[in-house]
């Protein structure tokens, strides 16, 4: 599904708005690793957290 990359070599940006949020994860070279539009609700937040976890994000090594 997603390209596995070292979590410390990735950065997550979120364009926040009232109805939805656009999320992009890039690697340390600026290459797009993942992107998604999520809803502004609990389901959207769950989708974001799931996406980050699939990329290797966890409590000890979070994606910044």
PDB file of N, CA and C in Angstrom:
ATOM      1  N   UNK A   1       0.824  -1.195   0.000  1.00  0.00           N
ATOM      2  CA  UNK A   1       0.000   0.000   0.000  1.00  0.00           C
ATOM      3  C   UNK A   1       0.866   1.256   0.000  1.00  0.00           C
ATOM      4  N   UNK A   2       1.633   1.463   1.059  1.00  0.00           N
ATOM      5  CA  UNK A   2       2.520   2.620   1.161  1.00  0.00           C
ATOM      6  C   UNK A   2       3.966   2.157   1.084  1.00  0.00           C
ATOM      7  N   UNK A   3       4.815   3.023   0.652  1.00  0.00           N
ATOM      8  CA  UNK A   3       6.244   2.748   0.612  1.00  0.00           C
ATOM      9  C   UNK A   3       6.795   2.835   2.036  1.00  0.00           C
ATOM     10  N   UNK A   4       7.428   1.761   2.529  1.00  0.00           N
ATOM     11  CA  UNK A   4       8.011   1.757   3.873  1.00  0.00           C
ATOM     12  C   UNK A   4       9.294   2.574   3.873  1.00  0.00           C
ATOM     13  N   UNK A   5       9.386   3.528   4.801  1.00  0.00           N
ATOM     14  CA  UNK A   5      10.546   4.394   4.943  1.00  0.00           C
ATOM     15  C   UNK A   5      10.823   4.534   6.430  1.00  0.00           C
ATOM     16  N   UNK A   6      12.063   4.736   6.805  1.00  0.00           N
ATOM     17  CA  UNK A   6      12.421   4.977   8.203  1.00  0.00           C
ATOM     18  C   UNK A   6      11.592   6.157   8.721  1.00  0.00           C
ATOM     19  N   UNK A   7      10.820   5.987   9.807  1.00  0.00           N
ATOM     20  CA  UNK A   7       9.952   7.057  10.303  1.00  0.00           C
ATOM     21  C   UNK A   7      10.692   8.353  10.610  1.00  0.00           C
ATOM     22  N   UNK A   8      11.942   8.274  11.042  1.00  0.00           N
ATOM     23  CA  UNK A   8      12.683   9.493  11.352  1.00  0.00           C
ATOM     24  C   UNK A   8      13.154  10.204  10.090  1.00  0.00           C
ATOM     25  N   UNK A   9      13.005   9.574   8.940  1.00  0.00           N
ATOM     26  CA  UNK A   9      13.395  10.176   7.668  1.00  0.00           C
ATOM     27  C   UNK A   9      12.180  10.714   6.926  1.00  0.00           C
ATOM     28  N   UNK A  10      11.035  10.836   7.612  1.00  0.00           N
ATOM     29  CA  UNK A  10       9.806  11.321   6.995  1.00  0.00           C
ATOM     30  C   UNK A  10       9.240  12.489   7.790  1.00  0.00           C
ATOM     31  N   UNK A  11       8.433  13.279   7.097  1.00  0.00           N
ATOM     32  CA  UNK A  11       7.763  14.409   7.724  1.00  0.00           C
ATOM     33  C   UNK A  11       6.328  14.445   7.230  1.00  0.00           C
ATOM     34  N   UNK A  12       5.406  14.743   8.137  1.00  0.00           N
ATOM     35  CA  UNK A  12       3.989  14.797   7.806  1.00  0.00           C
ATOM     36  C   UNK A  12       3.513  16.244   7.876  1.00  0.00           C
ATOM     37  N   UNK A  13       2.832  16.676   6.827  1.00  0.00           N
ATOM     38  CA  UNK A  13       2.228  18.005   6.809  1.00  0.00           C
ATOM     39  C   UNK A  13       0.731  17.865   6.639  1.00  0.00           C
ATOM     40  N   UNK A  14      -0.010  18.722   7.332  1.00  0.00           N
ATOM     41  CA  UNK A  14      -1.471  18.667   7.262  1.00  0.00           C
ATOM     42  C   UNK A  14      -2.002  20.058   6.935  1.00  0.00           C
ATOM     43  N   UNK A  15      -2.758  20.154   5.852  1.00  0.00           N
ATOM     44  CA  UNK A  15      -3.456  21.382   5.486  1.00  0.00           C
ATOM     45  C   UNK A  15      -4.845  21.268   6.094  1.00  0.00           C
ATOM     46  N   UNK A  16      -5.075  21.975   7.175  1.00  0.00           N
ATOM     47  CA  UNK A  16      -6.279  21.862   7.999  1.00  0.00           C
ATOM     48  C   UNK A  16      -7.347  22.816   7.500  1.00  0.00           C
ATOM     49  N   UNK A  17      -8.566  22.340   7.321  1.00  0.00           N
ATOM     50  CA  UNK A  17      -9.685  23.219   6.974  1.00  0.00           C
ATOM     51  C   UNK A  17     -10.934  22.778   7.731  1.00  0.00           C
ATOM     52  N   UNK A  18     -12.017  23.460   7.539  1.00  0.00           N
ATOM     53  CA  UNK A  18     -13.237  23.181   8.304  1.00  0.00           C
ATOM     54  C   UNK A  18     -13.896  21.855   7.945  1.00  0.00           C
ATOM     55  N   UNK A  19     -13.836  21.436   6.686  1.00  0.00           N
ATOM     56  CA  UNK A  19     -14.577  20.250   6.250  1.00  0.00           C
ATOM     57  C   UNK A  19     -13.707  19.022   6.016  1.00  0.00           C
ATOM     58  N   UNK A  20     -12.451  19.238   5.676  1.00  0.00           N
ATOM     59  CA  UNK A  20     -11.540  18.124   5.431  1.00  0.00           C
ATOM     60  C   UNK A  20     -10.105  18.604   5.631  1.00  0.00           C
ATOM     61  N   UNK A  21      -9.184  17.675   5.619  1.00  0.00           N
ATOM     62  CA  UNK A  21      -7.771  17.994   5.787  1.00  0.00           C
ATOM     63  C   UNK A  21      -6.981  17.223   4.730  1.00  0.00           C
ATOM     64  N   UNK A  22      -6.024  17.888   4.115  1.00  0.00           N
ATOM     65  CA  UNK A  22      -5.145  17.237   3.148  1.00  0.00           C
ATOM     66  C   UNK A  22      -3.837  16.910   3.862  1.00  0.00           C
ATOM     67  N   UNK A  23      -3.430  15.662   3.763  1.00  0.00           N
ATOM     68  CA  UNK A  23      -2.252  15.168   4.464  1.00  0.00           C
ATOM     69  C   UNK A  23      -1.223  14.722   3.444  1.00  0.00           C
ATOM     70  N   UNK A  24       0.035  15.100   3.674  1.00  0.00           N
ATOM     71  CA  UNK A  24       1.126  14.626   2.818  1.00  0.00           C
ATOM     72  C   UNK A  24       2.284  14.197   3.707  1.00  0.00           C
ATOM     73  N   UNK A  25       2.901  13.091   3.347  1.00  0.00           N
ATOM     74  CA  UNK A  25       4.094  12.614   4.028  1.00  0.00           C
ATOM     75  C   UNK A  25       5.200  12.589   2.989  1.00  0.00           C
ATOM     76  N   UNK A  26       6.316  13.251   3.308  1.00  0.00           N
ATOM     77  CA  UNK A  26       7.466  13.287   2.410  1.00  0.00           C
ATOM     78  C   UNK A  26       8.672  12.702   3.111  1.00  0.00           C
ATOM     79  N   UNK A  27       9.610  12.184   2.311  1.00  0.00           N
ATOM     80  CA  UNK A  27      10.839  11.660   2.901  1.00  0.00           C
ATOM     81  C   UNK A  27      11.843  12.796   3.055  1.00  0.00           C
ATOM     82  N   UNK A  28      13.009  12.481   3.563  1.00  0.00           N
ATOM     83  CA  UNK A  28      14.014  13.509   3.852  1.00  0.00           C
ATOM     84  C   UNK A  28      14.517  14.219   2.589  1.00  0.00           C
ATOM     85  N   UNK A  29      14.287  13.634   1.419  1.00  0.00           N
ATOM     86  CA  UNK A  29      14.679  14.260   0.160  1.00  0.00           C
ATOM     87  C   UNK A  29      13.535  15.043  -0.479  1.00  0.00           C
ATOM     88  N   UNK A  30      12.383  15.074   0.188  1.00  0.00           N
ATOM     89  CA  UNK A  30      11.228  15.797  -0.324  1.00  0.00           C
ATOM     90  C   UNK A  30      10.360  15.000  -1.271  1.00  0.00           C
ATOM     91  N   UNK A  31      10.623  13.708  -1.395  1.00  0.00           N
ATOM     92  CA  UNK A  31       9.803  12.848  -2.251  1.00  0.00           C
ATOM     93  C   UNK A  31       8.511  12.478  -1.542  1.00  0.00           C
ATOM     94  N   UNK A  32       7.406  12.522  -2.258  1.00  0.00           N
ATOM     95  CA  UNK A  32       6.110  12.179  -1.694  1.00  0.00           C
ATOM     96  C   UNK A  32       6.052  10.687  -1.381  1.00  0.00           C
ATOM     97  N   UNK A  33       5.760  10.364  -0.137  1.00  0.00           N
ATOM     98  CA  UNK A  33       5.635   8.975   0.310  1.00  0.00           C
ATOM     99  C   UNK A  33       4.162   8.570   0.338  1.00  0.00           C
ATOM    100  N   UNK A  34       3.302   9.477   0.796  1.00  0.00           N
ATOM    101  CA  UNK A  34       1.870   9.192   0.890  1.00  0.00           C
ATOM    102  C   UNK A  34       1.109  10.507   0.920  1.00  0.00           C
ATOM    103  N   UNK A  35      -0.127  10.461   0.434  1.00  0.00           N
ATOM    104  CA  UNK A  35      -1.006  11.629   0.557  1.00  0.00           C
ATOM    105  C   UNK A  35      -2.431  11.141   0.644  1.00  0.00           C
ATOM    106  N   UNK A  36      -3.249  11.930   1.294  1.00  0.00           N
ATOM    107  CA  UNK A  36      -4.643  11.530   1.474  1.00  0.00           C
ATOM    108  C   UNK A  36      -5.450  12.747   1.921  1.00  0.00           C
ATOM    109  N   UNK A  37      -6.714  12.772   1.560  1.00  0.00           N
ATOM    110  CA  UNK A  37      -7.666  13.755   2.082  1.00  0.00           C
ATOM    111  C   UNK A  37      -8.501  13.013   3.114  1.00  0.00           C
ATOM    112  N   UNK A  38      -8.560  13.560   4.305  1.00  0.00           N
ATOM    113  CA  UNK A  38      -9.323  12.932   5.388  1.00  0.00           C
ATOM    114  C   UNK A  38     -10.438  13.863   5.837  1.00  0.00           C
ATOM    115  N   UNK A  39     -11.441  13.284   6.439  1.00  0.00           N
ATOM    116  CA  UNK A  39     -12.560  14.055   6.957  1.00  0.00           C
ATOM    117  C   UNK A  39     -12.215  14.757   8.262  1.00  0.00           C
ATOM    118  N   UNK A  40     -12.982  15.786   8.579  1.00  0.00           N
ATOM    119  CA  UNK A  40     -12.823  16.542   9.818  1.00  0.00           C
ATOM    120  C   UNK A  40     -13.710  15.923  10.899  1.00  0.00           C
ATOM    121  N   UNK A  41     -13.408  14.649  11.218  1.00  0.00           N
ATOM    122  CA  UNK A  41     -14.197  13.938  12.213  1.00  0.00           C
ATOM    123  C   UNK A  41     -13.348  12.809  12.795  1.00  0.00           C
ATOM    124  N   UNK A  42     -13.915  12.050  13.697  1.00  0.00           N
ATOM    125  CA  UNK A  42     -13.177  10.959  14.344  1.00  0.00           C
ATOM    126  C   UNK A  42     -12.703   9.929  13.323  1.00  0.00           C
ATOM    127  N   UNK A  43     -13.518   9.650  12.315  1.00  0.00           N
ATOM    128  CA  UNK A  43     -13.125   8.680  11.288  1.00  0.00           C
ATOM    129  C   UNK A  43     -11.910   9.189  10.508  1.00  0.00           C
ATOM    130  N   UNK A  44     -11.869  10.480  10.221  1.00  0.00           N
ATOM    131  CA  UNK A  44     -10.733  11.057   9.514  1.00  0.00           C
ATOM    132  C   UNK A  44      -9.463  10.981  10.342  1.00  0.00           C
ATOM    133  N   UNK A  45      -9.567  11.268  11.627  1.00  0.00           N
ATOM    134  CA  UNK A  45      -8.403  11.180  12.507  1.00  0.00           C
ATOM    135  C   UNK A  45      -7.922   9.736  12.602  1.00  0.00           C
ATOM    136  N   UNK A  46      -8.839   8.804  12.686  1.00  0.00           N
ATOM    137  CA  UNK A  46      -8.472   7.388  12.707  1.00  0.00           C
ATOM    138  C   UNK A  46      -7.759   7.006  11.419  1.00  0.00           C
ATOM    139  N   UNK A  47      -8.259   7.501  10.296  1.00  0.00           N
ATOM    140  CA  UNK A  47      -7.628   7.227   9.000  1.00  0.00           C
ATOM    141  C   UNK A  47      -6.198   7.779   8.965  1.00  0.00           C
ATOM    142  N   UNK A  48      -6.008   8.987   9.495  1.00  0.00           N
ATOM    143  CA  UNK A  48      -4.670   9.587   9.558  1.00  0.00           C
ATOM    144  C   UNK A  48      -3.735   8.743  10.414  1.00  0.00           C
ATOM    145  N   UNK A  49      -4.188   8.365  11.601  1.00  0.00           N
ATOM    146  CA  UNK A  49      -3.352   7.581  12.509  1.00  0.00           C
ATOM    147  C   UNK A  49      -3.018   6.212  11.918  1.00  0.00           C
ATOM    148  N   UNK A  50      -3.973   5.611  11.221  1.00  0.00           N
ATOM    149  CA  UNK A  50      -3.736   4.325  10.564  1.00  0.00           C
ATOM    150  C   UNK A  50      -2.700   4.478   9.462  1.00  0.00           C
ATOM    151  N   UNK A  51      -2.828   5.520   8.654  1.00  0.00           N
ATOM    152  CA  UNK A  51      -1.870   5.760   7.580  1.00  0.00           C
ATOM    153  C   UNK A  51      -0.467   5.929   8.142  1.00  0.00           C
ATOM    154  N   UNK A  52      -0.322   6.740   9.191  1.00  0.00           N
ATOM    155  CA  UNK A  52       0.994   6.960   9.788  1.00  0.00           C
ATOM    156  C   UNK A  52       1.549   5.672  10.395  1.00  0.00           C
ATOM    157  N   UNK A  53       0.700   4.889  11.043  1.00  0.00           N
ATOM    158  CA  UNK A  53       1.153   3.617  11.623  1.00  0.00           C
ATOM    159  C   UNK A  53       1.645   2.667  10.537  1.00  0.00           C
ATOM    160  N   UNK A  54       0.955   2.639   9.394  1.00  0.00           N
ATOM    161  CA  UNK A  54       1.376   1.789   8.280  1.00  0.00           C
ATOM    162  C   UNK A  54       2.730   2.218   7.725  1.00  0.00           C
ATOM    163  N   UNK A  55       3.061   3.492   7.911  1.00  0.00           N
ATOM    164  CA  UNK A  55       4.352   4.016   7.456  1.00  0.00           C
ATOM    165  C   UNK A  55       5.451   3.822   8.490  1.00  0.00           C
ATOM    166  N   UNK A  56       5.099   3.274   9.654  1.00  0.00           N
ATOM    167  CA  UNK A  56       6.106   2.994  10.668  1.00  0.00           C
ATOM    168  C   UNK A  56       6.059   3.891  11.885  1.00  0.00           C
ATOM    169  N   UNK A  57       5.090   4.793  11.938  1.00  0.00           N
ATOM    170  CA  UNK A  57       4.952   5.681  13.089  1.00  0.00           C
ATOM    171  C   UNK A  57       4.543   4.887  14.323  1.00  0.00           C
ATOM    172  N   UNK A  58       5.223   5.118  15.423  1.00  0.00           N
ATOM    173  CA  UNK A  58       4.796   4.555  16.699  1.00  0.00           C
ATOM    174  C   UNK A  58       5.320   5.445  17.817  1.00  0.00           C
ATOM    175  N   UNK A  59       4.880   5.198  19.019  1.00  0.00           N
ATOM    176  CA  UNK A  59       5.153   6.080  20.153  1.00  0.00           C
ATOM    177  C   UNK A  59       6.629   6.360  20.357  1.00  0.00           C
ATOM    178  N   UNK A  60       7.482   5.374  20.176  1.00  0.00           N
ATOM    179  CA  UNK A  60       8.919   5.541  20.395  1.00  0.00           C
ATOM    180  C   UNK A  60       9.611   6.279  19.252  1.00  0.00           C
ATOM    181  N   UNK A  61       9.100   6.161  18.041  1.00  0.00           N
ATOM    182  CA  UNK A  61       9.681   6.807  16.847  1.00  0.00           C
ATOM    183  C   UNK A  61       8.572   7.434  16.012  1.00  0.00           C
ATOM    184  N   UNK A  62       8.012   8.558  16.453  1.00  0.00           N
ATOM    185  CA  UNK A  62       6.919   9.165  15.707  1.00  0.00           C
ATOM    186  C   UNK A  62       7.392   9.848  14.417  1.00  0.00           C
ATOM    187  N   UNK A  63       6.519   9.895  13.443  1.00  0.00           N
ATOM    188  CA  UNK A  63       6.788  10.668  12.234  1.00  0.00           C
ATOM    189  C   UNK A  63       6.590  12.137  12.604  1.00  0.00           C
ATOM    190  N   UNK A  64       7.611  12.970  12.447  1.00  0.00           N
ATOM    191  CA  UNK A  64       7.448  14.402  12.811  1.00  0.00           C
ATOM    192  C   UNK A  64       6.498  15.133  11.876  1.00  0.00           C
TER     193      UNK A  64
END
